[in-house]
Amino acid sequence: MTQEELSAWALKNGWQVLAGSLSLVKPSSPKEAIVRMIFKATVVSLEVKKPAGKWEKIASAPYAQVVYDEEGERPAGLGFEKIPSFAMLMRENKDRLAFSRFGQAG
């Protein structure tokens, strides 16, 4: 996947741009990122914020090694499976953004 494809997938699935990075936020604190993707020229990194506030790199991969997994409906090869409850966190972020847009319509 390219940086553009990863960005499009993330934005479509509840991620948002915070401090220049695509991020998932804490459900209880929607302004605080707890998972983020960092895009570099040739690689993308996945980082998780530890309770002490420090970011820890979970995985890093060249764009060519990140592929879309049709079955899992997310990119494979980037370490998402290493994050406990990742699918639930992503769903909560996606739902929160969808409902916030719904409230603004009209």
C-alpha atoms as a PDB file:
ATOM      1  CA  MET A   1       0.000   0.000   0.000  1.00  0.00           C
ATOM      2  CA  THR A   2       1.114   3.553  -0.585  1.00  0.00           C
ATOM      3  CA  GLN A   3       1.052   6.359   1.970  1.00  0.00           C
ATOM      4  CA  GLU A   4      -2.025   7.761   0.221  1.00  0.00           C
ATOM      5  CA  GLU A   5      -3.838   4.392   0.322  1.00  0.00           C
ATOM      6  CA  LEU A   6      -3.034   3.936   4.023  1.00  0.00           C
ATOM      7  CA  SER A   7      -4.204   7.476   4.778  1.00  0.00           C
ATOM      8  CA  ALA A   8      -7.457   6.993   2.866  1.00  0.00           C
ATOM      9  CA  TRP A   9      -8.130   3.674   4.631  1.00  0.00           C
ATOM     10  CA  ALA A  10      -7.395   5.200   8.058  1.00  0.00           C
ATOM     11  CA  LEU A  11      -9.571   8.291   7.555  1.00  0.00           C
ATOM     12  CA  LYS A  12     -12.422   6.120   6.289  1.00  0.00           C
ATOM     13  CA  ASN A  13     -12.129   3.929   9.402  1.00  0.00           C
ATOM     14  CA  GLY A  14     -12.244   6.432  12.244  1.00  0.00           C
ATOM     15  CA  TRP A  15      -8.680   7.700  12.388  1.00  0.00           C
ATOM     16  CA  GLN A  16      -8.125  11.436  12.571  1.00  0.00           C
ATOM     17  CA  VAL A  17      -5.202  13.780  12.142  1.00  0.00           C
ATOM     18  CA  LEU A  18      -3.834  14.964  15.491  1.00  0.00           C
ATOM     19  CA  ALA A  19      -0.498  16.748  15.803  1.00  0.00           C
ATOM     20  CA  GLY A  20       0.292  15.882  12.180  1.00  0.00           C
ATOM     21  CA  SER A  21      -0.203  12.107  12.525  1.00  0.00           C
ATOM     22  CA  LEU A  22      -3.107   9.815  11.757  1.00  0.00           C
ATOM     23  CA  SER A  23      -4.329   8.778  15.201  1.00  0.00           C
ATOM     24  CA  LEU A  24      -6.897   6.847  17.182  1.00  0.00           C
ATOM     25  CA  VAL A  25      -8.023   8.503  20.397  1.00  0.00           C
ATOM     26  CA  LYS A  26      -9.071   7.316  23.838  1.00  0.00           C
ATOM     27  CA  PRO A  27     -12.850   6.847  23.885  1.00  0.00           C
ATOM     28  CA  SER A  28     -12.985   8.623  27.266  1.00  0.00           C
ATOM     29  CA  SER A  29     -10.757  11.486  26.079  1.00  0.00           C
ATOM     30  CA  PRO A  30     -11.350  12.212  22.376  1.00  0.00           C
ATOM     31  CA  LYS A  31      -8.586  14.822  22.182  1.00  0.00           C
ATOM     32  CA  GLU A  32      -5.827  12.442  23.342  1.00  0.00           C
ATOM     33  CA  ALA A  33      -4.191  10.159  20.765  1.00  0.00           C
ATOM     34  CA  ILE A  34      -3.234   6.682  21.963  1.00  0.00           C
ATOM     35  CA  VAL A  35      -2.338   4.999  18.648  1.00  0.00           C
ATOM     36  CA  ARG A  36      -0.700   6.741  15.695  1.00  0.00           C
ATOM     37  CA  MET A  37       0.840   6.057  12.313  1.00  0.00           C
ATOM     38  CA  ILE A  38       3.991   7.950  11.411  1.00  0.00           C
ATOM     39  CA  PHE A  39       4.671   8.262   7.684  1.00  0.00           C
ATOM     40  CA  LYS A  40       8.262   8.570   6.477  1.00  0.00           C
ATOM     41  CA  ALA A  41       9.579   8.629   2.919  1.00  0.00           C
ATOM     42  CA  THR A  42       9.882   4.839   2.571  1.00  0.00           C
ATOM     43  CA  VAL A  43       8.352   3.354   5.745  1.00  0.00           C
ATOM     44  CA  VAL A  44       5.331   3.681   7.987  1.00  0.00           C
ATOM     45  CA  SER A  45       5.519   3.150  11.750  1.00  0.00           C
ATOM     46  CA  LEU A  46       2.810   2.216  14.213  1.00  0.00           C
ATOM     47  CA  GLU A  47       3.165   3.638  17.716  1.00  0.00           C
ATOM     48  CA  VAL A  48       1.185   3.273  20.959  1.00  0.00           C
ATOM     49  CA  LYS A  49       1.165   5.750  23.822  1.00  0.00           C
ATOM     50  CA  LYS A  50       2.127   4.156  27.126  1.00  0.00           C
ATOM     51  CA  PRO A  51       0.363   5.169  30.386  1.00  0.00           C
ATOM     52  CA  ALA A  52       3.397   7.266  31.344  1.00  0.00           C
ATOM     53  CA  GLY A  53       2.835   9.343  28.182  1.00  0.00           C
ATOM     54  CA  LYS A  54       5.771   8.069  26.126  1.00  0.00           C
ATOM     55  CA  TRP A  55       5.245   6.741  22.582  1.00  0.00           C
ATOM     56  CA  GLU A  56       6.461   3.206  21.873  1.00  0.00           C
ATOM     57  CA  LYS A  57       7.031   1.920  18.353  1.00  0.00           C
ATOM     58  CA  ILE A  58       5.093  -1.321  17.839  1.00  0.00           C
ATOM     59  CA  ALA A  59       6.127  -1.950  14.242  1.00  0.00           C
ATOM     60  CA  SER A  60       7.636  -0.335  11.201  1.00  0.00           C
ATOM     61  CA  ALA A  61       7.468  -1.554   7.612  1.00  0.00           C
ATOM     62  CA  PRO A  62       8.249  -0.380   4.097  1.00  0.00           C
ATOM     63  CA  TYR A  63       5.091   0.568   2.219  1.00  0.00           C
ATOM     64  CA  ALA A  64       5.623  -2.363  -0.169  1.00  0.00           C
ATOM     65  CA  GLN A  65       5.293  -4.831   2.730  1.00  0.00           C
ATOM     66  CA  VAL A  66       1.986  -3.402   3.951  1.00  0.00           C
ATOM     67  CA  VAL A  67      -0.882  -5.040   2.070  1.00  0.00           C
ATOM     68  CA  TYR A  68      -4.638  -4.785   2.445  1.00  0.00           C
ATOM     69  CA  ASP A  69      -6.173  -7.851   4.074  1.00  0.00           C
ATOM     70  CA  GLU A  70      -9.647  -8.272   2.569  1.00  0.00           C
ATOM     71  CA  GLU A  71     -10.684 -10.735   5.278  1.00  0.00           C
ATOM     72  CA  GLY A  72      -9.534  -8.595   8.193  1.00  0.00           C
ATOM     73  CA  GLU A  73     -10.573  -5.373   6.438  1.00  0.00           C
ATOM     74  CA  ARG A  74      -7.337  -3.656   7.420  1.00  0.00           C
ATOM     75  CA  PRO A  75      -3.727  -3.437   6.301  1.00  0.00           C
ATOM     76  CA  ALA A  76      -1.564  -6.417   7.226  1.00  0.00           C
ATOM     77  CA  GLY A  77       2.132  -6.226   7.955  1.00  0.00           C
ATOM     78  CA  LEU A  78       2.038  -3.184  10.202  1.00  0.00           C
ATOM     79  CA  GLY A  79       1.497  -4.789  13.622  1.00  0.00           C
ATOM     80  CA  PHE A  80      -2.144  -3.945  14.330  1.00  0.00           C
ATOM     81  CA  GLU A  81      -2.550  -7.454  15.767  1.00  0.00           C
ATOM     82  CA  LYS A  82      -0.072  -6.525  18.536  1.00  0.00           C
ATOM     83  CA  ILE A  83      -2.485  -3.950  19.991  1.00  0.00           C
ATOM     84  CA  PRO A  84      -5.024  -5.467  22.409  1.00  0.00           C
ATOM     85  CA  SER A  85      -8.612  -4.611  21.459  1.00  0.00           C
ATOM     86  CA  PHE A  86      -7.468  -2.755  18.331  1.00  0.00           C
ATOM     87  CA  ALA A  87     -10.637  -3.608  16.380  1.00  0.00           C
ATOM     88  CA  MET A  88     -12.829  -2.337  19.219  1.00  0.00           C
ATOM     89  CA  LEU A  89     -10.797   0.880  19.556  1.00  0.00           C
ATOM     90  CA  MET A  90     -11.041   1.538  15.824  1.00  0.00           C
ATOM     91  CA  ARG A  91     -14.819   0.842  15.854  1.00  0.00           C
ATOM     92  CA  GLU A  92     -15.356   3.243  18.779  1.00  0.00           C
ATOM     93  CA  ASN A  93     -13.406   5.966  16.981  1.00  0.00           C
ATOM     94  CA  LYS A  94     -15.304   5.397  13.741  1.00  0.00           C
ATOM     95  CA  ASP A  95     -18.679   5.460  15.506  1.00  0.00           C
ATOM     96  CA  ARG A  96     -17.805   8.604  17.486  1.00  0.00           C
ATOM     97  CA  LEU A  97     -16.813  10.467  14.330  1.00  0.00           C
ATOM     98  CA  ALA A  98     -19.895   9.270  12.447  1.00  0.00           C
ATOM     99  CA  PHE A  99     -22.246  10.365  15.232  1.00  0.00           C
ATOM    100  CA  SER A 100     -20.518  13.732  15.588  1.00  0.00           C
ATOM    101  CA  ARG A 101     -21.097  14.388  11.878  1.00  0.00           C
ATOM    102  CA  PHE A 102     -24.698  13.212  12.183  1.00  0.00           C
ATOM    103  CA  GLY A 103     -25.356  15.769  14.914  1.00  0.00           C
ATOM    104  CA  GLN A 104     -23.971  18.582  12.737  1.00  0.00           C
ATOM    105  CA  ALA A 105     -26.218  17.842   9.746  1.00  0.00           C
ATOM    106  CA  GLY A 106     -29.312  19.937   9.575  1.00  0.00           C
END
